[in-house]
């Protein structure tokens, strides 16, 4: 799976279950075994666990390999290892204590907003917009002498 598709799928999975403060860091220039670090927060240990499970399920369904999941028992911090992408899902207090953004110090990746099926206009609306965009000839009344 392409790296961009994988990071987009991870972010989408986190947003599906209301994960917040999602940051994607490019760590390709650092001497590490992965190219992206995704950090997200969940409001409770139950939500942190649910976010990790959803990321795991969604990526597995897309054919990505899950190398490991750590921290599921306490669920204050869960790590999902996808090989070239590592996902840290944390409770906000744990996240502020460990401050992984500063530790990894990678460049933040700006993702384009995803075009979800709900946000996409229907075929009928697209056709109507296309018709409206075409220039129309105006009917003008001629004055006869």
Protein backbone atom coordinates (compact mmCIF):
# COMPACT_ATOMS: atom_id res chain seq x y z
CA UNK A 1 0.00 0.00 0.00
CA UNK A 2 1.25 3.47 -0.91
CA UNK A 3 2.50 5.57 2.02
CA UNK A 4 0.14 8.48 1.27
CA UNK A 5 -2.87 6.18 1.06
CA UNK A 6 -1.86 4.50 4.29
CA UNK A 7 -1.46 7.76 6.23
CA UNK A 8 -4.79 9.03 4.83
CA UNK A 9 -6.50 5.77 5.85
CA UNK A 10 -5.07 6.10 9.37
CA UNK A 11 -6.25 9.71 9.73
CA UNK A 12 -9.69 8.83 8.35
CA UNK A 13 -10.00 5.92 10.80
CA UNK A 14 -9.08 8.22 13.69
CA UNK A 15 -11.55 10.89 12.57
CA UNK A 16 -14.32 8.27 12.22
CA UNK A 17 -14.34 7.75 15.99
CA UNK A 18 -13.74 11.39 16.94
CA UNK A 19 -10.01 11.21 17.58
CA UNK A 20 -8.63 14.72 17.97
CA UNK A 21 -5.38 16.70 17.83
CA UNK A 22 -4.20 14.42 15.02
CA UNK A 23 -0.65 15.14 13.88
CA UNK A 24 1.28 13.37 11.12
CA UNK A 25 5.06 13.78 11.31
CA UNK A 26 7.48 13.00 8.49
CA UNK A 27 10.39 11.11 10.07
CA UNK A 28 11.97 9.86 6.82
CA UNK A 29 15.06 12.04 7.39
CA UNK A 30 15.61 10.63 10.88
CA UNK A 31 17.45 7.35 11.43
CA UNK A 32 14.37 5.28 12.14
CA UNK A 33 12.65 2.23 10.74
CA UNK A 34 9.51 4.13 9.71
CA UNK A 35 8.66 7.18 7.65
CA UNK A 36 5.61 8.60 9.41
CA UNK A 37 4.50 9.01 13.00
CA UNK A 38 0.81 9.70 13.58
CA UNK A 39 -0.15 11.01 17.02
CA UNK A 40 -3.75 11.38 18.13
CA UNK A 41 -5.69 11.85 21.34
CA UNK A 42 -8.77 10.17 22.74
CA UNK A 43 -10.80 11.54 25.64
CA UNK A 44 -10.94 8.33 27.68
CA UNK A 45 -9.15 5.00 27.91
CA UNK A 46 -12.15 3.38 26.27
CA UNK A 47 -11.97 5.77 23.32
CA UNK A 48 -8.19 5.31 23.01
CA UNK A 49 -8.70 1.55 22.77
CA UNK A 50 -11.58 1.96 20.30
CA UNK A 51 -9.48 4.27 18.11
CA UNK A 52 -6.62 1.75 18.02
CA UNK A 53 -8.99 -1.12 17.22
CA UNK A 54 -10.63 0.89 14.43
CA UNK A 55 -7.27 1.83 12.88
CA UNK A 56 -6.21 -1.81 13.02
CA UNK A 57 -9.48 -3.07 11.48
CA UNK A 58 -9.64 -0.43 8.73
CA UNK A 59 -6.02 -0.87 7.64
CA UNK A 60 -6.27 -4.65 7.71
CA UNK A 61 -9.39 -4.41 5.51
CA UNK A 62 -7.38 -2.32 3.03
CA UNK A 63 -4.70 -5.00 2.87
CA UNK A 64 -2.07 -3.36 5.07
CA UNK A 65 0.01 -5.51 7.37
CA UNK A 66 -0.24 -4.87 11.12
CA UNK A 67 3.15 -5.59 12.68
CA UNK A 68 2.00 -5.15 16.25
CA UNK A 69 -0.20 -3.39 18.77
CA UNK A 70 1.14 -2.40 22.18
CA UNK A 71 -0.52 -0.92 25.25
CA UNK A 72 -4.04 -2.21 24.75
CA UNK A 73 -4.41 -3.43 28.33
CA UNK A 74 -4.13 -0.05 30.09
CA UNK A 75 -5.28 1.91 27.04
CA UNK A 76 -3.83 5.23 28.16
CA UNK A 77 -1.36 4.91 25.30
CA UNK A 78 -1.73 2.46 22.43
CA UNK A 79 0.83 2.05 19.66
CA UNK A 80 -0.16 0.52 16.31
CA UNK A 81 2.84 -0.50 14.18
CA UNK A 82 2.08 -0.51 10.45
CA UNK A 83 5.70 -0.80 9.33
CA UNK A 84 6.42 2.50 7.61
CA UNK A 85 3.74 4.26 9.70
CA UNK A 86 3.59 4.13 13.51
CA UNK A 87 0.42 5.36 15.20
CA UNK A 88 0.41 6.63 18.80
CA UNK A 89 -3.04 7.08 20.33
CA UNK A 90 -2.92 8.63 23.76
CA UNK A 91 -4.96 10.07 26.58
CA UNK A 92 -4.35 13.87 26.62
CA UNK A 93 -2.54 13.87 29.99
CA UNK A 94 -0.17 11.12 28.86
CA UNK A 95 0.38 12.90 25.56
CA UNK A 96 1.30 16.18 27.22
CA UNK A 97 3.67 14.38 29.63
CA UNK A 98 5.64 12.50 26.94
CA UNK A 99 5.43 15.25 24.27
CA UNK A 100 6.23 12.98 21.33
CA UNK A 101 5.95 15.82 18.83
CA UNK A 102 9.08 17.36 20.33
CA UNK A 103 10.89 14.04 20.67
CA UNK A 104 10.39 13.03 17.04
CA UNK A 105 10.79 16.58 15.79
CA UNK A 106 9.85 15.61 12.27
CA UNK A 107 8.25 17.94 9.79
CA UNK A 108 4.46 17.99 10.08
CA UNK A 109 2.69 16.56 7.05
CA UNK A 110 -0.26 18.59 5.78
CA UNK A 111 -2.97 16.32 4.45
CA UNK A 112 -5.61 17.41 1.99
CA UNK A 113 -9.13 17.17 3.35
CA UNK A 114 -10.71 13.86 2.43
CA UNK A 115 -13.67 13.92 0.09
CA UNK A 116 -16.16 11.71 1.88
CA UNK A 117 -19.14 10.19 0.12
CA UNK A 118 -21.51 12.31 2.21
CA UNK A 119 -19.79 15.52 1.18
CA UNK A 120 -19.74 14.67 -2.53
CA UNK A 121 -22.66 16.06 -4.52
CA UNK A 122 -24.98 13.60 -6.21
CA UNK A 123 -24.84 12.94 -9.95
CA UNK A 124 -28.03 14.97 -10.47
CA UNK A 125 -26.58 17.97 -8.65
CA UNK A 126 -23.31 17.74 -10.58
CA UNK A 127 -25.26 17.65 -13.88
CA UNK A 128 -27.38 20.63 -12.82
CA UNK A 129 -24.25 22.58 -11.86
CA UNK A 130 -22.70 21.73 -15.21
CA UNK A 131 -25.80 22.97 -17.07
CA UNK A 132 -25.84 26.15 -15.01
CA UNK A 133 -22.21 26.83 -15.85
CA UNK A 134 -22.81 26.78 -19.61
CA UNK A 135 -23.32 30.21 -21.13
CA UNK A 136 -26.84 30.83 -22.34
CA UNK A 137 -27.86 32.90 -25.25
CA UNK A 138 -30.03 35.78 -24.25
CA UNK A 139 -33.17 36.43 -26.15
CA UNK A 140 -33.28 40.06 -27.12
CA UNK A 141 -36.28 41.83 -28.50
CA UNK A 142 -35.66 43.46 -31.82
CA UNK A 143 -37.13 46.78 -32.51
CA UNK A 144 -38.62 47.03 -35.93
CA UNK A 145 -38.56 50.35 -37.70
